[in-house]
Amino acid sequence: MSEITPENVRHLASLARILVTDEEVEKLAKELDVIVESVAMVKGAVSDDTPATSHPIPMSNVYREDVVKPSLSQEQALSNAPDQADGKFKVNAILDEE
């Protein structure tokens, strides 16, 4: 029994404001029906004792120690800046704010 009818496809297309031809409606109805049947099969394979998972492989965060290393001084960082003020990069405003 097909769950997706051409009328369903036309309705969805109108909601999405997509123009579809009769040929596209027939093709999409068949393709969407296959998708619905596939989802139903997967849903049927899951039982109440199957734990929900968000990822098939256990994941863990890998952290590294924060190590302070020498870097540029403020003067070095600003040395090639086209414009600077008060020890900071000066850029044009992109919003109507000062």
Protein backbone atom coordinates (compact mmCIF):
# COMPACT_ATOMS: atom_id res chain seq x y z
CA MET A 1 0.00 0.00 0.00
CA SER A 2 1.47 3.30 -1.07
CA GLU A 3 1.51 6.01 1.60
CA ILE A 4 2.64 8.76 -0.75
CA THR A 5 0.08 9.67 -3.38
CA PRO A 6 0.41 12.12 -6.26
CA GLU A 7 -2.01 14.36 -4.36
CA ASN A 8 0.38 14.35 -1.37
CA VAL A 9 3.25 15.37 -3.63
CA ARG A 10 1.23 18.16 -5.23
CA HIS A 11 0.20 19.41 -1.79
CA LEU A 12 3.78 19.38 -0.51
CA ALA A 13 4.98 21.10 -3.66
CA SER A 14 2.39 23.84 -3.23
CA LEU A 15 3.40 24.33 0.41
CA ALA A 16 7.03 24.64 -0.68
CA ARG A 17 5.98 26.83 -3.60
CA ILE A 18 7.62 24.49 -6.10
CA LEU A 19 6.19 24.02 -9.56
CA VAL A 20 6.17 20.37 -10.59
CA THR A 21 5.07 18.68 -13.77
CA ASP A 22 2.85 15.58 -13.83
CA GLU A 23 5.90 13.47 -14.70
CA GLU A 24 7.82 14.89 -11.73
CA VAL A 25 4.85 14.23 -9.44
CA GLU A 26 4.74 10.57 -10.44
CA LYS A 27 8.51 10.18 -10.09
CA LEU A 28 8.61 11.94 -6.71
CA ALA A 29 5.66 9.93 -5.40
CA LYS A 30 7.52 6.69 -6.14
CA GLU A 31 10.81 7.96 -4.68
CA LEU A 32 9.20 9.33 -1.53
CA ASP A 33 7.27 6.10 -1.06
CA VAL A 34 10.54 4.15 -1.13
CA ILE A 35 11.97 6.51 1.50
CA VAL A 36 8.90 6.12 3.74
CA GLU A 37 9.05 2.33 3.42
CA SER A 38 12.79 2.33 4.24
CA VAL A 39 12.24 4.45 7.35
CA ALA A 40 9.43 2.10 8.42
CA MET A 41 11.78 -0.89 8.05
CA VAL A 42 14.44 0.77 10.19
CA LYS A 43 11.84 1.79 12.76
CA GLY A 44 10.58 -1.80 12.86
CA ALA A 45 14.09 -3.12 13.53
CA VAL A 46 14.38 -1.14 16.75
CA SER A 47 12.99 -2.76 19.87
CA ASP A 48 12.37 -1.41 23.35
CA ASP A 49 15.61 -2.95 24.64
CA THR A 50 17.72 -1.24 21.95
CA PRO A 51 19.54 1.71 23.52
CA ALA A 52 19.32 5.03 21.72
CA THR A 53 22.61 6.24 20.29
CA SER A 54 23.69 9.52 18.80
CA HIS A 55 26.88 8.13 17.30
CA PRO A 56 27.83 4.54 16.39
CA ILE A 57 31.39 4.88 17.71
CA PRO A 58 32.04 5.99 21.29
CA MET A 59 33.53 9.45 21.25
CA SER A 60 35.60 11.29 23.78
CA ASN A 61 37.11 14.74 23.81
CA VAL A 62 40.85 14.93 23.46
CA TYR A 63 42.33 17.76 25.44
CA ARG A 64 45.85 19.09 25.48
CA GLU A 65 47.51 21.11 28.14
CA ASP A 66 47.43 24.86 27.65
CA VAL A 67 51.07 25.83 27.35
CA VAL A 68 52.06 29.46 27.17
CA LYS A 69 54.63 29.98 24.44
CA PRO A 70 56.43 33.10 23.31
CA SER A 71 54.48 35.10 20.74
CA LEU A 72 54.51 38.52 19.13
CA SER A 73 54.66 41.58 21.31
CA GLN A 74 51.99 44.22 20.85
CA GLU A 75 54.45 46.42 19.00
CA GLN A 76 55.45 43.59 16.64
CA ALA A 77 51.82 42.70 15.93
CA LEU A 78 50.99 46.30 15.09
CA SER A 79 54.19 47.02 13.16
CA ASN A 80 52.65 46.41 9.71
CA ALA A 81 49.11 47.56 10.52
CA PRO A 82 47.87 50.13 8.03
CA ASP A 83 46.24 52.08 10.86
CA GLN A 84 46.44 51.81 14.63
CA ALA A 85 45.31 53.77 17.66
CA ASP A 86 45.89 53.30 21.38
CA GLY A 87 47.82 50.06 20.84
CA LYS A 88 45.03 48.46 18.80
CA PHE A 89 44.25 47.83 15.15
CA LYS A 90 42.08 50.64 13.80
CA VAL A 91 39.47 49.63 11.21
CA ASN A 92 36.54 51.33 9.55
CA ALA A 93 33.23 50.96 11.33
CA ILE A 94 30.92 48.43 9.69
CA LEU A 95 27.86 49.37 11.74
CA ASP A 96 26.30 52.73 12.46
CA GLU A 97 28.11 52.84 15.76
CA GLU A 98 31.08 54.83 16.95
